[in-house]
């Protein structure tokens, strides 16, 4: 039986689509383009997390919409959105 960690917390990161680079399937936004909960520039996303939630223009996205690593979030087709569209990532850590 797996061990269930008793502690859960979240970290939130904000940016806009205009902070991303690439096109189509390779569109990505670097972690360093985001602002963290403290209002400071983020340096990386958490390396170990239970799950994350992506919000595009305040709308929750399904799990197949993105891929998160410590350095980037990839949002295939994100370059088709308006550059000022807000992006929020909530990463739940344990």
N, C-alpha and C. Protein backbone atom coordinates (compact mmCIF):
# COMPACT_ATOMS: atom_id res chain seq x y z
N UNK A 1 0.84 -1.17 0.00
CA UNK A 1 0.00 0.00 0.00
C UNK A 1 0.89 1.24 0.00
N UNK A 2 0.61 2.22 -0.87
CA UNK A 2 1.44 3.42 -0.93
C UNK A 2 1.26 4.31 0.30
N UNK A 3 2.28 5.03 0.60
CA UNK A 3 2.23 5.98 1.72
C UNK A 3 1.56 7.25 1.24
N UNK A 4 0.59 7.74 1.99
CA UNK A 4 -0.10 8.98 1.66
C UNK A 4 0.52 10.09 2.50
N UNK A 5 1.03 11.08 1.83
CA UNK A 5 1.66 12.19 2.55
C UNK A 5 0.58 13.05 3.18
N UNK A 6 0.74 13.43 4.44
CA UNK A 6 -0.30 14.18 5.14
C UNK A 6 -0.37 15.67 4.81
N UNK A 7 0.61 16.19 4.16
CA UNK A 7 0.68 17.63 3.91
C UNK A 7 0.36 17.94 2.46
N UNK A 8 -0.52 18.89 2.23
CA UNK A 8 -0.82 19.37 0.88
C UNK A 8 -0.82 20.89 0.90
N UNK A 9 -0.26 21.49 -0.11
CA UNK A 9 -0.25 22.95 -0.25
C UNK A 9 -0.23 23.26 -1.74
N UNK A 10 -0.46 24.51 -2.07
CA UNK A 10 -0.42 24.86 -3.49
C UNK A 10 0.47 26.08 -3.72
N UNK A 11 0.99 26.13 -4.91
CA UNK A 11 1.78 27.26 -5.37
C UNK A 11 1.11 27.76 -6.64
N UNK A 12 0.93 29.07 -6.76
CA UNK A 12 0.28 29.63 -7.94
C UNK A 12 1.27 30.50 -8.72
N UNK A 13 1.14 30.43 -10.05
CA UNK A 13 2.01 31.16 -10.95
C UNK A 13 1.14 31.84 -12.00
N UNK A 14 1.47 33.10 -12.33
CA UNK A 14 0.67 33.84 -13.31
C UNK A 14 1.57 34.42 -14.41
N UNK A 15 1.01 34.46 -15.61
CA UNK A 15 1.68 35.05 -16.78
C UNK A 15 0.60 35.33 -17.82
N UNK A 16 1.00 35.66 -19.02
CA UNK A 16 0.06 35.82 -20.14
C UNK A 16 0.57 34.98 -21.31
N UNK A 17 -0.31 34.70 -22.22
CA UNK A 17 0.06 33.93 -23.41
C UNK A 17 1.19 34.63 -24.17
N UNK A 18 1.19 35.96 -24.15
CA UNK A 18 2.24 36.71 -24.84
C UNK A 18 3.64 36.44 -24.34
N UNK A 19 3.78 35.83 -23.17
CA UNK A 19 5.09 35.48 -22.62
C UNK A 19 5.65 34.21 -23.23
N UNK A 20 4.84 33.51 -24.02
CA UNK A 20 5.26 32.24 -24.60
C UNK A 20 6.02 32.39 -25.90
N UNK A 21 6.62 31.27 -26.32
CA UNK A 21 7.35 31.22 -27.59
C UNK A 21 7.00 29.93 -28.32
N UNK A 22 7.28 29.89 -29.59
CA UNK A 22 7.01 28.71 -30.40
C UNK A 22 5.64 28.80 -31.03
N UNK A 23 5.34 27.79 -31.84
CA UNK A 23 4.04 27.74 -32.51
C UNK A 23 3.50 26.32 -32.46
N UNK A 24 2.19 26.23 -32.62
CA UNK A 24 1.54 24.91 -32.67
C UNK A 24 1.86 24.04 -31.48
N UNK A 25 2.31 22.81 -31.76
CA UNK A 25 2.58 21.83 -30.71
C UNK A 25 3.76 22.20 -29.82
N UNK A 26 4.61 23.11 -30.27
CA UNK A 26 5.80 23.46 -29.49
C UNK A 26 5.63 24.76 -28.69
N UNK A 27 4.43 25.34 -28.67
CA UNK A 27 4.23 26.58 -27.93
C UNK A 27 4.44 26.32 -26.44
N UNK A 28 5.28 27.12 -25.81
CA UNK A 28 5.59 26.94 -24.39
C UNK A 28 5.86 28.28 -23.73
N UNK A 29 5.65 28.32 -22.42
CA UNK A 29 5.96 29.50 -21.62
C UNK A 29 6.97 29.06 -20.57
N UNK A 30 8.08 29.77 -20.49
CA UNK A 30 9.13 29.44 -19.52
C UNK A 30 8.69 29.78 -18.11
N UNK A 31 9.14 29.00 -17.15
CA UNK A 31 8.82 29.25 -15.74
C UNK A 31 9.27 30.65 -15.33
N UNK A 32 10.37 31.11 -15.88
CA UNK A 32 10.91 32.42 -15.52
C UNK A 32 10.05 33.57 -16.02
N UNK A 33 9.08 33.31 -16.89
CA UNK A 33 8.16 34.34 -17.37
C UNK A 33 6.99 34.55 -16.40
N UNK A 34 6.86 33.67 -15.42
CA UNK A 34 5.75 33.71 -14.47
C UNK A 34 6.10 34.49 -13.21
N UNK A 35 5.07 34.97 -12.55
CA UNK A 35 5.17 35.59 -11.23
C UNK A 35 4.63 34.59 -10.23
N UNK A 36 5.28 34.45 -9.08
CA UNK A 36 4.82 33.48 -8.07
C UNK A 36 3.87 34.13 -7.07
N UNK A 37 3.45 33.36 -6.07
CA UNK A 37 2.52 33.84 -5.04
C UNK A 37 3.01 35.09 -4.31
N UNK A 38 4.31 35.23 -4.18
CA UNK A 38 4.88 36.36 -3.47
C UNK A 38 5.00 37.60 -4.35
N UNK A 39 4.63 37.48 -5.63
CA UNK A 39 4.73 38.61 -6.55
C UNK A 39 6.11 38.77 -7.15
N UNK A 40 6.97 37.78 -6.91
CA UNK A 40 8.33 37.83 -7.45
C UNK A 40 8.43 36.97 -8.70
N UNK A 41 9.45 37.21 -9.48
CA UNK A 41 9.66 36.39 -10.68
C UNK A 41 9.96 34.95 -10.26
N UNK A 42 9.28 34.02 -10.89
CA UNK A 42 9.52 32.61 -10.58
C UNK A 42 10.84 32.18 -11.21
N UNK A 43 11.49 31.22 -10.57
CA UNK A 43 12.73 30.69 -11.13
C UNK A 43 12.51 29.30 -11.72
N UNK A 44 11.54 28.57 -11.17
CA UNK A 44 11.20 27.22 -11.66
C UNK A 44 9.87 26.80 -11.07
N UNK A 45 9.24 25.82 -11.72
CA UNK A 45 8.04 25.22 -11.15
C UNK A 45 8.48 24.10 -10.22
N UNK A 46 7.65 23.73 -9.24
CA UNK A 46 8.03 22.64 -8.34
C UNK A 46 8.37 21.36 -9.11
N UNK A 47 9.41 20.67 -8.68
CA UNK A 47 9.86 19.46 -9.36
C UNK A 47 9.06 18.24 -8.97
N UNK A 48 8.46 18.28 -7.80
CA UNK A 48 7.66 17.16 -7.32
C UNK A 48 6.31 17.71 -6.89
N UNK A 49 5.25 17.19 -7.48
CA UNK A 49 3.92 17.68 -7.13
C UNK A 49 2.90 16.57 -7.31
N UNK A 50 1.75 16.73 -6.64
CA UNK A 50 0.67 15.76 -6.75
C UNK A 50 -0.07 15.94 -8.08
N UNK A 51 -0.39 17.20 -8.40
CA UNK A 51 -1.04 17.53 -9.66
C UNK A 51 -0.99 19.03 -9.87
N UNK A 52 -1.36 19.48 -11.04
CA UNK A 52 -1.47 20.91 -11.30
C UNK A 52 -2.74 21.19 -12.08
N UNK A 53 -3.20 22.44 -11.98
CA UNK A 53 -4.39 22.88 -12.69
C UNK A 53 -4.01 24.10 -13.53
N UNK A 54 -4.33 24.05 -14.81
CA UNK A 54 -4.06 25.17 -15.70
C UNK A 54 -5.36 25.92 -15.94
N UNK A 55 -5.30 27.24 -15.76
CA UNK A 55 -6.42 28.12 -16.05
C UNK A 55 -6.02 29.02 -17.20
N UNK A 56 -6.80 29.04 -18.25
CA UNK A 56 -6.59 29.96 -19.36
C UNK A 56 -7.79 30.89 -19.37
N UNK A 57 -7.53 32.17 -19.17
CA UNK A 57 -8.60 33.18 -19.07
C UNK A 57 -9.63 32.76 -18.02
N UNK A 58 -9.14 32.29 -16.88
CA UNK A 58 -9.93 31.89 -15.70
C UNK A 58 -10.76 30.62 -15.91
N UNK A 59 -10.55 29.92 -17.02
CA UNK A 59 -11.28 28.69 -17.29
C UNK A 59 -10.36 27.49 -17.06
N UNK A 60 -10.81 26.54 -16.22
CA UNK A 60 -10.02 25.34 -15.96
C UNK A 60 -9.89 24.54 -17.26
N UNK A 61 -8.68 24.06 -17.50
CA UNK A 61 -8.41 23.27 -18.71
C UNK A 61 -8.29 21.78 -18.36
N UNK A 62 -8.58 20.93 -19.29
CA UNK A 62 -8.45 19.49 -19.06
C UNK A 62 -6.97 19.09 -19.05
N UNK A 63 -6.69 17.93 -18.50
CA UNK A 63 -5.32 17.46 -18.33
C UNK A 63 -4.55 17.31 -19.64
N UNK A 64 -5.24 17.06 -20.73
CA UNK A 64 -4.56 16.88 -22.02
C UNK A 64 -4.20 18.19 -22.71
N UNK A 65 -4.47 19.31 -22.06
CA UNK A 65 -4.23 20.62 -22.66
C UNK A 65 -2.79 21.10 -22.52
N UNK A 66 -2.04 20.52 -21.56
CA UNK A 66 -0.70 21.03 -21.29
C UNK A 66 0.20 19.97 -20.68
N UNK A 67 1.49 20.31 -20.65
CA UNK A 67 2.49 19.49 -20.00
C UNK A 67 3.38 20.41 -19.17
N UNK A 68 3.61 20.06 -17.91
CA UNK A 68 4.40 20.91 -17.02
C UNK A 68 5.71 20.21 -16.64
N UNK A 69 6.81 20.95 -16.78
CA UNK A 69 8.12 20.50 -16.28
C UNK A 69 8.62 21.57 -15.32
N UNK A 70 9.78 21.39 -14.75
CA UNK A 70 10.31 22.41 -13.84
C UNK A 70 10.65 23.70 -14.55
N UNK A 71 10.87 23.65 -15.86
CA UNK A 71 11.30 24.84 -16.59
C UNK A 71 10.25 25.47 -17.48
N UNK A 72 9.24 24.70 -17.93
CA UNK A 72 8.25 25.24 -18.86
C UNK A 72 6.88 24.58 -18.71
N UNK A 73 5.88 25.27 -19.23
CA UNK A 73 4.59 24.65 -19.47
C UNK A 73 4.36 24.71 -20.97
N UNK A 74 4.06 23.58 -21.56
CA UNK A 74 3.79 23.50 -22.99
C UNK A 74 2.28 23.46 -23.17
N UNK A 75 1.78 24.37 -24.00
CA UNK A 75 0.34 24.47 -24.29
C UNK A 75 0.18 24.41 -25.81
N UNK A 76 0.05 23.20 -26.37
CA UNK A 76 -0.07 23.09 -27.82
C UNK A 76 -1.21 23.96 -28.37
N UNK A 77 -0.89 24.77 -29.36
CA UNK A 77 -1.87 25.66 -29.96
C UNK A 77 -2.09 26.95 -29.20
N UNK A 78 -1.38 27.15 -28.11
CA UNK A 78 -1.54 28.36 -27.30
C UNK A 78 -1.21 29.63 -28.05
N UNK A 79 -0.39 29.54 -29.08
CA UNK A 79 -0.02 30.71 -29.87
C UNK A 79 -1.20 31.28 -30.64
N UNK A 80 -2.29 30.53 -30.76
CA UNK A 80 -3.49 31.03 -31.46
C UNK A 80 -4.33 31.95 -30.58
N UNK A 81 -4.03 32.00 -29.28
CA UNK A 81 -4.78 32.85 -28.36
C UNK A 81 -4.24 34.27 -28.37
N UNK A 82 -5.06 35.21 -27.93
CA UNK A 82 -4.64 36.60 -27.82
C UNK A 82 -3.49 36.72 -26.83
N UNK A 83 -2.52 37.54 -27.16
CA UNK A 83 -1.31 37.68 -26.34
C UNK A 83 -1.60 38.11 -24.90
N UNK A 84 -2.68 38.84 -24.66
CA UNK A 84 -2.97 39.31 -23.30
C UNK A 84 -3.81 38.33 -22.48
N UNK A 85 -4.10 37.14 -23.01
CA UNK A 85 -4.88 36.14 -22.29
C UNK A 85 -4.12 35.71 -21.04
N UNK A 86 -4.75 35.83 -19.85
CA UNK A 86 -4.07 35.44 -18.62
C UNK A 86 -3.96 33.92 -18.47
N UNK A 87 -2.82 33.50 -17.91
CA UNK A 87 -2.54 32.10 -17.63
C UNK A 87 -2.24 32.00 -16.13
N UNK A 88 -2.91 31.06 -15.46
CA UNK A 88 -2.63 30.78 -14.05
C UNK A 88 -2.38 29.28 -13.92
N UNK A 89 -1.33 28.93 -13.22
CA UNK A 89 -1.04 27.53 -12.95
C UNK A 89 -1.06 27.36 -11.44
N UNK A 90 -1.86 26.41 -10.97
CA UNK A 90 -1.88 26.07 -9.55
C UNK A 90 -1.25 24.70 -9.41
N UNK A 91 -0.12 24.63 -8.73
CA UNK A 91 0.60 23.39 -8.55
C UNK A 91 0.38 22.92 -7.11
N UNK A 92 -0.18 21.73 -6.94
CA UNK A 92 -0.45 21.18 -5.61
C UNK A 92 0.71 20.29 -5.24
N UNK A 93 1.39 20.66 -4.17
CA UNK A 93 2.58 19.92 -3.71
C UNK A 93 2.26 19.17 -2.43
N UNK A 94 2.99 18.10 -2.22
CA UNK A 94 2.85 17.36 -0.97
C UNK A 94 4.18 16.86 -0.51
